[in-house]
């Protein structure tokens, strides 16, 4: 998908170092890192596994390349390795408020009925971590493991796309079964099948939006987009252009899908959508 050539051959573990490549898509430059394969026990440092996983921790999306001919073995092994170094795939942060205190014992509350945790269990877990004074509030029904994630606090929650390669070597029914799994895409690199859909899904998972700028009395500049996260406001756009712009901001005119009519005059809190055009007016 990138213009970079990464070493590939018919045997496993061909890639030995991290190889970066850039995909240009919808005006954004997406950097793709081709990481070496990890083996069982990588989290303990086998086969330079620690360094590989450390790169994965800082990414925005993990694409897990799996062999469609190998069944489910690879996927569960890789998930286990990433799980053990604190990467949680396709999960959201547990909605638990936790704050250690200087004194006053453990105060425990929950806004929902808990089926997996009890107050006794929470106290046991906290004592295990030598925390004797804390405030705990469960806002959703979480498992003990998720509560431990909150205490430890160094967990990374990231989206993951499972990509099954070599679909030209398996039956049509099997391809259909794999494609219907959640967060999964089936491709064939050798025959270049379905790579465009993989790009679409990648864009979806990255949750990016392109925003174009416009000077007064001129046409919008569609060559140079500002790339922001989905749900970014006008204030984020201002900071991206120049950090002093938000303080001199008077109002902005926005054309696009986020407005009721075009152009609409908006303030700093207005949420931008994909491919909106903005013109900022200073004081």
C-alpha atoms as a PDB file:
ATOM      1  CA  UNK A   1       0.000   0.000   0.000  1.00  0.00           C
ATOM      2  CA  UNK A   2       3.003   2.297   0.432  1.00  0.00           C
ATOM      3  CA  UNK A   3       5.733   3.048  -2.082  1.00  0.00           C
ATOM      4  CA  UNK A   4       8.298   1.492   0.272  1.00  0.00           C
ATOM      5  CA  UNK A   5       9.389  -2.060  -0.478  1.00  0.00           C
ATOM      6  CA  UNK A   6       9.599  -4.287   2.601  1.00  0.00           C
ATOM      7  CA  UNK A   7      11.416  -7.595   2.381  1.00  0.00           C
ATOM      8  CA  UNK A   8       8.919 -10.429   1.806  1.00  0.00           C
ATOM      9  CA  UNK A   9       9.562 -14.071   1.010  1.00  0.00           C
ATOM     10  CA  UNK A  10       7.834 -17.427   1.258  1.00  0.00           C
ATOM     11  CA  UNK A  11       9.224 -18.179   4.717  1.00  0.00           C
ATOM     12  CA  UNK A  12       8.218 -16.694   8.062  1.00  0.00           C
ATOM     13  CA  UNK A  13       9.981 -13.880   9.980  1.00  0.00           C
ATOM     14  CA  UNK A  14      11.390 -12.204   6.848  1.00  0.00           C
ATOM     15  CA  UNK A  15      11.169  -8.705   8.311  1.00  0.00           C
ATOM     16  CA  UNK A  16      13.979  -8.201  10.822  1.00  0.00           C
ATOM     17  CA  UNK A  17      13.730  -4.507  11.698  1.00  0.00           C
ATOM     18  CA  UNK A  18      10.975  -1.912  11.731  1.00  0.00           C
ATOM     19  CA  UNK A  19      10.395  -0.582   8.210  1.00  0.00           C
ATOM     20  CA  UNK A  20       8.417   2.662   7.892  1.00  0.00           C
ATOM     21  CA  UNK A  21       6.279   3.559   4.887  1.00  0.00           C
ATOM     22  CA  UNK A  22       3.781   6.342   4.185  1.00  0.00           C
ATOM     23  CA  UNK A  23       0.299   6.000   2.686  1.00  0.00           C
ATOM     24  CA  UNK A  24      -1.264   9.101   1.169  1.00  0.00           C
ATOM     25  CA  UNK A  25      -5.018   8.839   1.607  1.00  0.00           C
ATOM     26  CA  UNK A  26      -7.712  11.540   1.574  1.00  0.00           C
ATOM     27  CA  UNK A  27      -5.083  14.240   1.888  1.00  0.00           C
ATOM     28  CA  UNK A  28      -3.523  12.727   5.008  1.00  0.00           C
ATOM     29  CA  UNK A  29      -0.142  11.054   5.316  1.00  0.00           C
ATOM     30  CA  UNK A  30      -0.549   7.857   7.317  1.00  0.00           C
ATOM     31  CA  UNK A  31       2.668   6.305   8.521  1.00  0.00           C
ATOM     32  CA  UNK A  32       2.675   2.527   8.458  1.00  0.00           C
ATOM     33  CA  UNK A  33       5.346   0.625  10.383  1.00  0.00           C
ATOM     34  CA  UNK A  34       6.130  -2.904   9.283  1.00  0.00           C
ATOM     35  CA  UNK A  35       7.197  -4.663  12.471  1.00  0.00           C
ATOM     36  CA  UNK A  36       9.008  -7.997  12.754  1.00  0.00           C
ATOM     37  CA  UNK A  37       6.842 -10.976  13.707  1.00  0.00           C
ATOM     38  CA  UNK A  38       6.622 -11.787  17.407  1.00  0.00           C
ATOM     39  CA  UNK A  39       6.843 -15.265  18.854  1.00  0.00           C
ATOM     40  CA  UNK A  40       5.408 -16.894  21.947  1.00  0.00           C
ATOM     41  CA  UNK A  41       7.069 -15.390  25.007  1.00  0.00           C
ATOM     42  CA  UNK A  42       7.784 -12.084  23.255  1.00  0.00           C
ATOM     43  CA  UNK A  43       6.508 -10.133  26.255  1.00  0.00           C
ATOM     44  CA  UNK A  44       9.308 -11.704  28.336  1.00  0.00           C
ATOM     45  CA  UNK A  45      11.838 -10.538  25.727  1.00  0.00           C
ATOM     46  CA  UNK A  46      12.149 -13.566  23.454  1.00  0.00           C
ATOM     47  CA  UNK A  47      13.207 -12.757  19.897  1.00  0.00           C
ATOM     48  CA  UNK A  48      13.558  -8.995  20.554  1.00  0.00           C
ATOM     49  CA  UNK A  49       9.839  -9.097  21.345  1.00  0.00           C
ATOM     50  CA  UNK A  50       9.996  -6.305  23.931  1.00  0.00           C
ATOM     51  CA  UNK A  51      11.285  -3.752  21.420  1.00  0.00           C
ATOM     52  CA  UNK A  52       8.664  -4.742  18.853  1.00  0.00           C
ATOM     53  CA  UNK A  53       5.802  -4.432  21.319  1.00  0.00           C
ATOM     54  CA  UNK A  54       7.160  -1.094  22.615  1.00  0.00           C
ATOM     55  CA  UNK A  55       6.674   0.376  19.131  1.00  0.00           C
ATOM     56  CA  UNK A  56       3.129  -1.010  19.007  1.00  0.00           C
ATOM     57  CA  UNK A  57       2.271   0.711  22.318  1.00  0.00           C
ATOM     58  CA  UNK A  58       2.791   4.171  20.829  1.00  0.00           C
ATOM     59  CA  UNK A  59       0.728   3.566  17.678  1.00  0.00           C
ATOM     60  CA  UNK A  60      -2.807   4.797  17.013  1.00  0.00           C
ATOM     61  CA  UNK A  61      -4.036   1.578  15.427  1.00  0.00           C
ATOM     62  CA  UNK A  62      -2.596  -1.931  15.408  1.00  0.00           C
ATOM     63  CA  UNK A  63      -3.019  -3.934  12.203  1.00  0.00           C
ATOM     64  CA  UNK A  64      -2.588  -7.603  12.978  1.00  0.00           C
ATOM     65  CA  UNK A  65      -1.546  -9.530   9.883  1.00  0.00           C
ATOM     66  CA  UNK A  66      -2.774 -13.108  10.123  1.00  0.00           C
ATOM     67  CA  UNK A  67      -2.453 -16.080   7.818  1.00  0.00           C
ATOM     68  CA  UNK A  68      -5.921 -17.244   6.735  1.00  0.00           C
ATOM     69  CA  UNK A  69      -4.583 -20.762   6.131  1.00  0.00           C
ATOM     70  CA  UNK A  70      -3.367 -21.144   9.732  1.00  0.00           C
ATOM     71  CA  UNK A  71      -6.681 -20.974  11.556  1.00  0.00           C
ATOM     72  CA  UNK A  72      -7.125 -19.197  14.867  1.00  0.00           C
ATOM     73  CA  UNK A  73      -3.813 -20.097  16.543  1.00  0.00           C
ATOM     74  CA  UNK A  74      -1.895 -16.976  15.516  1.00  0.00           C
ATOM     75  CA  UNK A  75      -4.555 -14.537  16.596  1.00  0.00           C
ATOM     76  CA  UNK A  76      -4.942 -15.860  20.142  1.00  0.00           C
ATOM     77  CA  UNK A  77      -1.158 -16.037  20.646  1.00  0.00           C
ATOM     78  CA  UNK A  78      -0.600 -12.462  19.491  1.00  0.00           C
ATOM     79  CA  UNK A  79      -3.500 -11.200  21.589  1.00  0.00           C
ATOM     80  CA  UNK A  80      -2.083 -12.936  24.654  1.00  0.00           C
ATOM     81  CA  UNK A  81       1.358 -11.385  24.129  1.00  0.00           C
ATOM     82  CA  UNK A  82      -0.051  -7.877  23.723  1.00  0.00           C
ATOM     83  CA  UNK A  83      -2.401  -8.374  26.664  1.00  0.00           C
ATOM     84  CA  UNK A  84       0.501  -9.278  28.963  1.00  0.00           C
ATOM     85  CA  UNK A  85       2.336  -6.003  28.270  1.00  0.00           C
ATOM     86  CA  UNK A  86      -0.747  -3.918  28.971  1.00  0.00           C
ATOM     87  CA  UNK A  87      -2.131  -3.318  25.472  1.00  0.00           C
ATOM     88  CA  UNK A  88      -5.893  -3.771  25.411  1.00  0.00           C
ATOM     89  CA  UNK A  89      -7.253  -4.246  21.911  1.00  0.00           C
ATOM     90  CA  UNK A  90     -10.673  -2.925  20.874  1.00  0.00           C
ATOM     91  CA  UNK A  91     -11.682  -2.216  24.461  1.00  0.00           C
ATOM     92  CA  UNK A  92     -12.541   1.077  26.087  1.00  0.00           C
ATOM     93  CA  UNK A  93     -11.212   2.340  29.397  1.00  0.00           C
ATOM     94  CA  UNK A  94     -13.298   0.982  32.298  1.00  0.00           C
ATOM     95  CA  UNK A  95     -15.538   3.685  33.734  1.00  0.00           C
ATOM     96  CA  UNK A  96     -14.190   3.467  37.290  1.00  0.00           C
ATOM     97  CA  UNK A  97     -13.213   6.457  39.393  1.00  0.00           C
ATOM     98  CA  UNK A  98     -10.210   5.585  41.546  1.00  0.00           C
ATOM     99  CA  UNK A  99      -8.215   7.965  43.733  1.00  0.00           C
ATOM    100  CA  UNK A 100      -5.642   6.972  46.385  1.00  0.00           C
ATOM    101  CA  UNK A 101      -5.791   9.124  49.536  1.00  0.00           C
ATOM    102  CA  UNK A 102      -3.642   9.893  52.585  1.00  0.00           C
ATOM    103  CA  UNK A 103      -6.063   8.452  55.125  1.00  0.00           C
ATOM    104  CA  UNK A 104      -9.657   7.487  55.881  1.00  0.00           C
ATOM    105  CA  UNK A 105      -9.734   3.873  54.719  1.00  0.00           C
ATOM    106  CA  UNK A 106     -11.400   2.594  51.577  1.00  0.00           C
ATOM    107  CA  UNK A 107     -14.687   4.173  50.507  1.00  0.00           C
ATOM    108  CA  UNK A 108     -16.524   2.047  47.943  1.00  0.00           C
ATOM    109  CA  UNK A 109     -19.547   3.062  45.882  1.00  0.00           C
ATOM    110  CA  UNK A 110     -21.217   1.930  42.694  1.00  0.00           C
ATOM    111  CA  UNK A 111     -23.886   3.534  40.517  1.00  0.00           C
ATOM    112  CA  UNK A 112     -24.874   0.194  38.939  1.00  0.00           C
ATOM    113  CA  UNK A 113     -25.472  -3.289  40.323  1.00  0.00           C
ATOM    114  CA  UNK A 114     -22.214  -5.234  40.198  1.00  0.00           C
ATOM    115  CA  UNK A 115     -22.314  -8.867  39.148  1.00  0.00           C
ATOM    116  CA  UNK A 116     -18.564  -9.568  38.866  1.00  0.00           C
ATOM    117  CA  UNK A 117     -17.049  -7.516  41.703  1.00  0.00           C
ATOM    118  CA  UNK A 118     -18.014  -7.140  45.338  1.00  0.00           C
ATOM    119  CA  UNK A 119     -16.796  -4.672  47.967  1.00  0.00           C
ATOM    120  CA  UNK A 120     -14.889  -7.465  49.686  1.00  0.00           C
ATOM    121  CA  UNK A 121     -13.100  -8.401  46.464  1.00  0.00           C
ATOM    122  CA  UNK A 122     -12.187  -4.773  45.728  1.00  0.00           C
ATOM    123  CA  UNK A 123     -10.681  -4.429  49.220  1.00  0.00           C
ATOM    124  CA  UNK A 124      -8.678  -7.632  48.737  1.00  0.00           C
ATOM    125  CA  UNK A 125      -7.314  -6.422  45.406  1.00  0.00           C
ATOM    126  CA  UNK A 126      -6.368  -3.024  46.859  1.00  0.00           C
ATOM    127  CA  UNK A 127      -4.633  -4.668  49.834  1.00  0.00           C
ATOM    128  CA  UNK A 128      -2.701  -6.834  47.386  1.00  0.00           C
ATOM    129  CA  UNK A 129      -1.360  -3.590  45.854  1.00  0.00           C
ATOM    130  CA  UNK A 130      -0.694  -2.173  49.348  1.00  0.00           C
ATOM    131  CA  UNK A 131      -3.352   0.521  48.984  1.00  0.00           C
ATOM    132  CA  UNK A 132      -5.277   0.978  52.228  1.00  0.00           C
ATOM    133  CA  UNK A 133      -6.819   4.433  51.708  1.00  0.00           C
ATOM    134  CA  UNK A 134      -8.671   5.125  48.499  1.00  0.00           C
ATOM    135  CA  UNK A 135     -11.909   6.245  46.947  1.00  0.00           C
ATOM    136  CA  UNK A 136     -13.484   3.822  44.462  1.00  0.00           C
ATOM    137  CA  UNK A 137     -16.589   4.461  42.385  1.00  0.00           C
ATOM    138  CA  UNK A 138     -17.833   1.938  39.817  1.00  0.00           C
ATOM    139  CA  UNK A 139     -19.845   3.611  37.055  1.00  0.00           C
ATOM    140  CA  UNK A 140     -20.239   0.385  35.057  1.00  0.00           C
ATOM    141  CA  UNK A 141     -20.268  -3.339  35.731  1.00  0.00           C
ATOM    142  CA  UNK A 142     -16.573  -4.252  35.417  1.00  0.00           C
ATOM    143  CA  UNK A 143     -14.615  -7.450  35.974  1.00  0.00           C
ATOM    144  CA  UNK A 144     -11.819  -7.709  38.593  1.00  0.00           C
ATOM    145  CA  UNK A 145      -9.241  -7.646  35.764  1.00  0.00           C
ATOM    146  CA  UNK A 146     -10.552  -4.324  34.500  1.00  0.00           C
ATOM    147  CA  UNK A 147     -10.415  -2.913  38.013  1.00  0.00           C
ATOM    148  CA  UNK A 148      -6.760  -3.990  38.285  1.00  0.00           C
ATOM    149  CA  UNK A 149      -6.100  -2.204  34.966  1.00  0.00           C
ATOM    150  CA  UNK A 150      -7.427   0.992  36.523  1.00  0.00           C
ATOM    151  CA  UNK A 151      -5.223   0.631  39.632  1.00  0.00           C
ATOM    152  CA  UNK A 152      -2.040  -0.071  37.684  1.00  0.00           C
ATOM    153  CA  UNK A 153      -2.883   2.740  35.283  1.00  0.00           C
ATOM    154  CA  UNK A 154      -0.295   2.078  32.545  1.00  0.00           C
ATOM    155  CA  UNK A 155      -2.646   0.288  30.192  1.00  0.00           C
ATOM    156  CA  UNK A 156      -3.030   1.392  26.585  1.00  0.00           C
ATOM    157  CA  UNK A 157      -6.432   1.041  24.939  1.00  0.00           C
ATOM    158  CA  UNK A 158      -6.196   0.969  21.168  1.00  0.00           C
ATOM    159  CA  UNK A 159      -8.219  -0.130  18.163  1.00  0.00           C
ATOM    160  CA  UNK A 160      -6.992  -3.196  16.309  1.00  0.00           C
ATOM    161  CA  UNK A 161      -7.761  -4.407  12.806  1.00  0.00           C
ATOM    162  CA  UNK A 162      -7.373  -8.137  12.167  1.00  0.00           C
ATOM    163  CA  UNK A 163      -6.247  -8.607   8.573  1.00  0.00           C
ATOM    164  CA  UNK A 164      -6.401 -12.120   7.144  1.00  0.00           C
ATOM    165  CA  UNK A 165      -3.948 -12.513   4.251  1.00  0.00           C
ATOM    166  CA  UNK A 166      -3.703 -15.290   1.610  1.00  0.00           C
ATOM    167  CA  UNK A 167      -7.447 -15.652   1.054  1.00  0.00           C
ATOM    168  CA  UNK A 168      -6.732 -16.940  -2.468  1.00  0.00           C
ATOM    169  CA  UNK A 169      -5.655 -20.242  -0.891  1.00  0.00           C
ATOM    170  CA  UNK A 170      -8.808 -21.041   1.122  1.00  0.00           C
ATOM    171  CA  UNK A 171     -12.427 -21.851   0.273  1.00  0.00           C
ATOM    172  CA  UNK A 172     -15.093 -19.226  -0.375  1.00  0.00           C
ATOM    173  CA  UNK A 173     -17.064 -20.259   2.739  1.00  0.00           C
ATOM    174  CA  UNK A 174     -14.003 -19.788   4.923  1.00  0.00           C
ATOM    175  CA  UNK A 175     -13.368 -16.312   3.445  1.00  0.00           C
ATOM    176  CA  UNK A 176     -16.990 -15.412   4.152  1.00  0.00           C
ATOM    177  CA  UNK A 177     -16.698 -16.640   7.752  1.00  0.00           C
ATOM    178  CA  UNK A 178     -13.523 -14.654   8.398  1.00  0.00           C
ATOM    179  CA  UNK A 179     -14.888 -11.493   6.763  1.00  0.00           C
ATOM    180  CA  UNK A 180     -17.974 -11.546   9.005  1.00  0.00           C
ATOM    181  CA  UNK A 181     -15.934 -11.500  12.219  1.00  0.00           C
ATOM    182  CA  UNK A 182     -15.861  -8.205  14.114  1.00  0.00           C
ATOM    183  CA  UNK A 183     -12.907  -5.891  13.344  1.00  0.00           C
ATOM    184  CA  UNK A 184     -11.707  -8.190  10.564  1.00  0.00           C
ATOM    185  CA  UNK A 185     -10.728  -7.605   6.933  1.00  0.00           C
ATOM    186  CA  UNK A 186      -9.761 -10.288   4.427  1.00  0.00           C
ATOM    187  CA  UNK A 187      -7.123  -9.490   1.786  1.00  0.00           C
ATOM    188  CA  UNK A 188      -4.654 -11.096  -0.556  1.00  0.00           C
ATOM    189  CA  UNK A 189      -1.366  -9.244  -1.009  1.00  0.00           C
ATOM    190  CA  UNK A 190      -0.187 -11.566  -3.768  1.00  0.00           C
ATOM    191  CA  UNK A 191      -3.271 -10.984  -5.915  1.00  0.00           C
ATOM    192  CA  UNK A 192      -3.918  -7.435  -4.609  1.00  0.00           C
ATOM    193  CA  UNK A 193      -7.469  -8.252  -3.486  1.00  0.00           C
ATOM    194  CA  UNK A 194      -9.499  -5.978  -1.192  1.00  0.00           C
ATOM    195  CA  UNK A 195      -6.616  -3.609  -0.325  1.00  0.00           C
ATOM    196  CA  UNK A 196      -8.769  -0.540  -1.003  1.00  0.00           C
ATOM    197  CA  UNK A 197     -11.336  -1.701   1.567  1.00  0.00           C
ATOM    198  CA  UNK A 198      -8.512  -2.195   4.097  1.00  0.00           C
ATOM    199  CA  UNK A 199      -7.532   1.447   3.577  1.00  0.00           C
ATOM    200  CA  UNK A 200     -11.135   2.553   4.133  1.00  0.00           C
ATOM    201  CA  UNK A 201     -11.340   0.566   7.363  1.00  0.00           C
ATOM    202  CA  UNK A 202      -7.969   1.924   8.494  1.00  0.00           C
ATOM    203  CA  UNK A 203      -9.223   5.476   7.992  1.00  0.00           C
ATOM    204  CA  UNK A 204     -12.368   4.611   9.943  1.00  0.00           C
ATOM    205  CA  UNK A 205     -10.347   3.210  12.859  1.00  0.00           C
ATOM    206  CA  UNK A 206      -7.914   6.142  12.908  1.00  0.00           C
ATOM    207  CA  UNK A 207     -10.940   8.450  13.300  1.00  0.00           C
ATOM    208  CA  UNK A 208      -9.337  11.316  11.402  1.00  0.00           C
ATOM    209  CA  UNK A 209     -10.955  14.284   9.694  1.00  0.00           C
ATOM    210  CA  UNK A 210      -9.586  16.585   6.997  1.00  0.00           C
ATOM    211  CA  UNK A 211     -10.357  20.283   7.333  1.00  0.00           C
ATOM    212  CA  UNK A 212      -9.609  22.793   4.588  1.00  0.00           C
ATOM    213  CA  UNK A 213      -8.891  26.470   5.152  1.00  0.00           C
ATOM    214  CA  UNK A 214     -10.005  29.475   3.143  1.00  0.00           C
ATOM    215  CA  UNK A 215      -8.843  33.069   2.928  1.00  0.00           C
ATOM    216  CA  UNK A 216     -11.364  35.863   2.639  1.00  0.00           C
ATOM    217  CA  UNK A 217     -12.464  36.456  -0.952  1.00  0.00           C
ATOM    218  CA  UNK A 218     -10.519  33.466  -2.300  1.00  0.00           C
ATOM    219  CA  UNK A 219     -11.334  29.870  -3.155  1.00  0.00           C
ATOM    220  CA  UNK A 220     -10.669  27.179  -0.492  1.00  0.00           C
ATOM    221  CA  UNK A 221      -7.223  25.602  -0.559  1.00  0.00           C
ATOM    222  CA  UNK A 222      -7.982  21.923  -1.250  1.00  0.00           C
ATOM    223  CA  UNK A 223      -4.328  20.979  -1.718  1.00  0.00           C
ATOM    224  CA  UNK A 224      -3.242  21.364   1.902  1.00  0.00           C
ATOM    225  CA  UNK A 225      -5.591  19.900   4.512  1.00  0.00           C
ATOM    226  CA  UNK A 226      -5.392  20.139   8.288  1.00  0.00           C
ATOM    227  CA  UNK A 227      -5.645  16.628   9.752  1.00  0.00           C
ATOM    228  CA  UNK A 228      -7.354  16.372  13.133  1.00  0.00           C
ATOM    229  CA  UNK A 229      -9.009  13.725  15.286  1.00  0.00           C
ATOM    230  CA  UNK A 230     -12.705  13.120  14.885  1.00  0.00           C
ATOM    231  CA  UNK A 231     -14.720  15.363  17.184  1.00  0.00           C
ATOM    232  CA  UNK A 232     -12.214  18.237  17.008  1.00  0.00           C
ATOM    233  CA  UNK A 233     -13.602  21.728  17.581  1.00  0.00           C
ATOM    234  CA  UNK A 234     -12.823  25.059  15.930  1.00  0.00           C
ATOM    235  CA  UNK A 235     -10.450  25.739  18.844  1.00  0.00           C
ATOM    236  CA  UNK A 236      -8.343  22.712  17.864  1.00  0.00           C
ATOM    237  CA  UNK A 237      -8.140  24.057  14.311  1.00  0.00           C
ATOM    238  CA  UNK A 238      -6.947  27.431  15.655  1.00  0.00           C
ATOM    239  CA  UNK A 239      -4.229  25.796  17.758  1.00  0.00           C
ATOM    240  CA  UNK A 240      -3.085  23.749  14.774  1.00  0.00           C
ATOM    241  CA  UNK A 241      -2.696  26.866  12.589  1.00  0.00           C
ATOM    242  CA  UNK A 242      -1.022  29.009  15.252  1.00  0.00           C
ATOM    243  CA  UNK A 243      -1.161  28.882  19.022  1.00  0.00           C
ATOM    244  CA  UNK A 244      -1.921  32.615  19.408  1.00  0.00           C
ATOM    245  CA  UNK A 245      -4.864  32.425  16.998  1.00  0.00           C
ATOM    246  CA  UNK A 246      -7.408  31.187  19.559  1.00  0.00           C
ATOM    247  CA  UNK A 247      -6.860  34.236  21.792  1.00  0.00           C
ATOM    248  CA  UNK A 248      -7.433  36.649  18.866  1.00  0.00           C
ATOM    249  CA  UNK A 249     -10.408  34.655  17.545  1.00  0.00           C
ATOM    250  CA  UNK A 250     -13.569  36.624  16.745  1.00  0.00           C
ATOM    251  CA  UNK A 251     -15.679  34.115  14.801  1.00  0.00           C
ATOM    252  CA  UNK A 252     -15.344  31.531  12.042  1.00  0.00           C
ATOM    253  CA  UNK A 253     -17.340  30.782   8.905  1.00  0.00           C
ATOM    254  CA  UNK A 254     -17.800  27.089   8.197  1.00  0.00           C
ATOM    255  CA  UNK A 255     -19.001  25.371   5.021  1.00  0.00           C
ATOM    256  CA  UNK A 256     -19.760  21.646   5.130  1.00  0.00           C
ATOM    257  CA  UNK A 257     -21.766  18.885   6.768  1.00  0.00           C
ATOM    258  CA  UNK A 258     -21.329  20.061  10.372  1.00  0.00           C
ATOM    259  CA  UNK A 259     -23.426  23.186   9.779  1.00  0.00           C
ATOM    260  CA  UNK A 260     -27.148  23.746   9.300  1.00  0.00           C
ATOM    261  CA  UNK A 261     -26.531  26.098   6.369  1.00  0.00           C
ATOM    262  CA  UNK A 262     -23.404  27.177   4.489  1.00  0.00           C
ATOM    263  CA  UNK A 263     -21.612  29.314   5.429  1.00  0.00           C
ATOM    264  CA  UNK A 264     -22.523  29.334   9.102  1.00  0.00           C
ATOM    265  CA  UNK A 265     -20.977  31.666  11.646  1.00  0.00           C
ATOM    266  CA  UNK A 266     -19.683  29.612  14.574  1.00  0.00           C
ATOM    267  CA  UNK A 267     -17.719  29.996  17.812  1.00  0.00           C
ATOM    268  CA  UNK A 268     -14.762  28.132  19.278  1.00  0.00           C
ATOM    269  CA  UNK A 269     -16.791  25.196  20.570  1.00  0.00           C
ATOM    270  CA  UNK A 270     -18.324  24.154  17.219  1.00  0.00           C
ATOM    271  CA  UNK A 271     -17.422  20.560  16.285  1.00  0.00           C
ATOM    272  CA  UNK A 272     -15.897  20.105  12.834  1.00  0.00           C
ATOM    273  CA  UNK A 273     -16.631  17.201  10.489  1.00  0.00           C
ATOM    274  CA  UNK A 274     -14.740  15.548   7.627  1.00  0.00           C
ATOM    275  CA  UNK A 275     -13.913  17.827   4.677  1.00  0.00           C
ATOM    276  CA  UNK A 276     -15.362  21.001   6.185  1.00  0.00           C
ATOM    277  CA  UNK A 277     -14.043  24.353   4.961  1.00  0.00           C
ATOM    278  CA  UNK A 278     -13.265  27.012   7.565  1.00  0.00           C
ATOM    279  CA  UNK A 279     -12.500  30.716   7.394  1.00  0.00           C
ATOM    280  CA  UNK A 280     -11.332  32.278  10.650  1.00  0.00           C
ATOM    281  CA  UNK A 281     -11.905  35.970  11.375  1.00  0.00           C
ATOM    282  CA  UNK A 282      -9.644  37.644  13.933  1.00  0.00           C
ATOM    283  CA  UNK A 283     -10.424  40.541  16.266  1.00  0.00           C
END
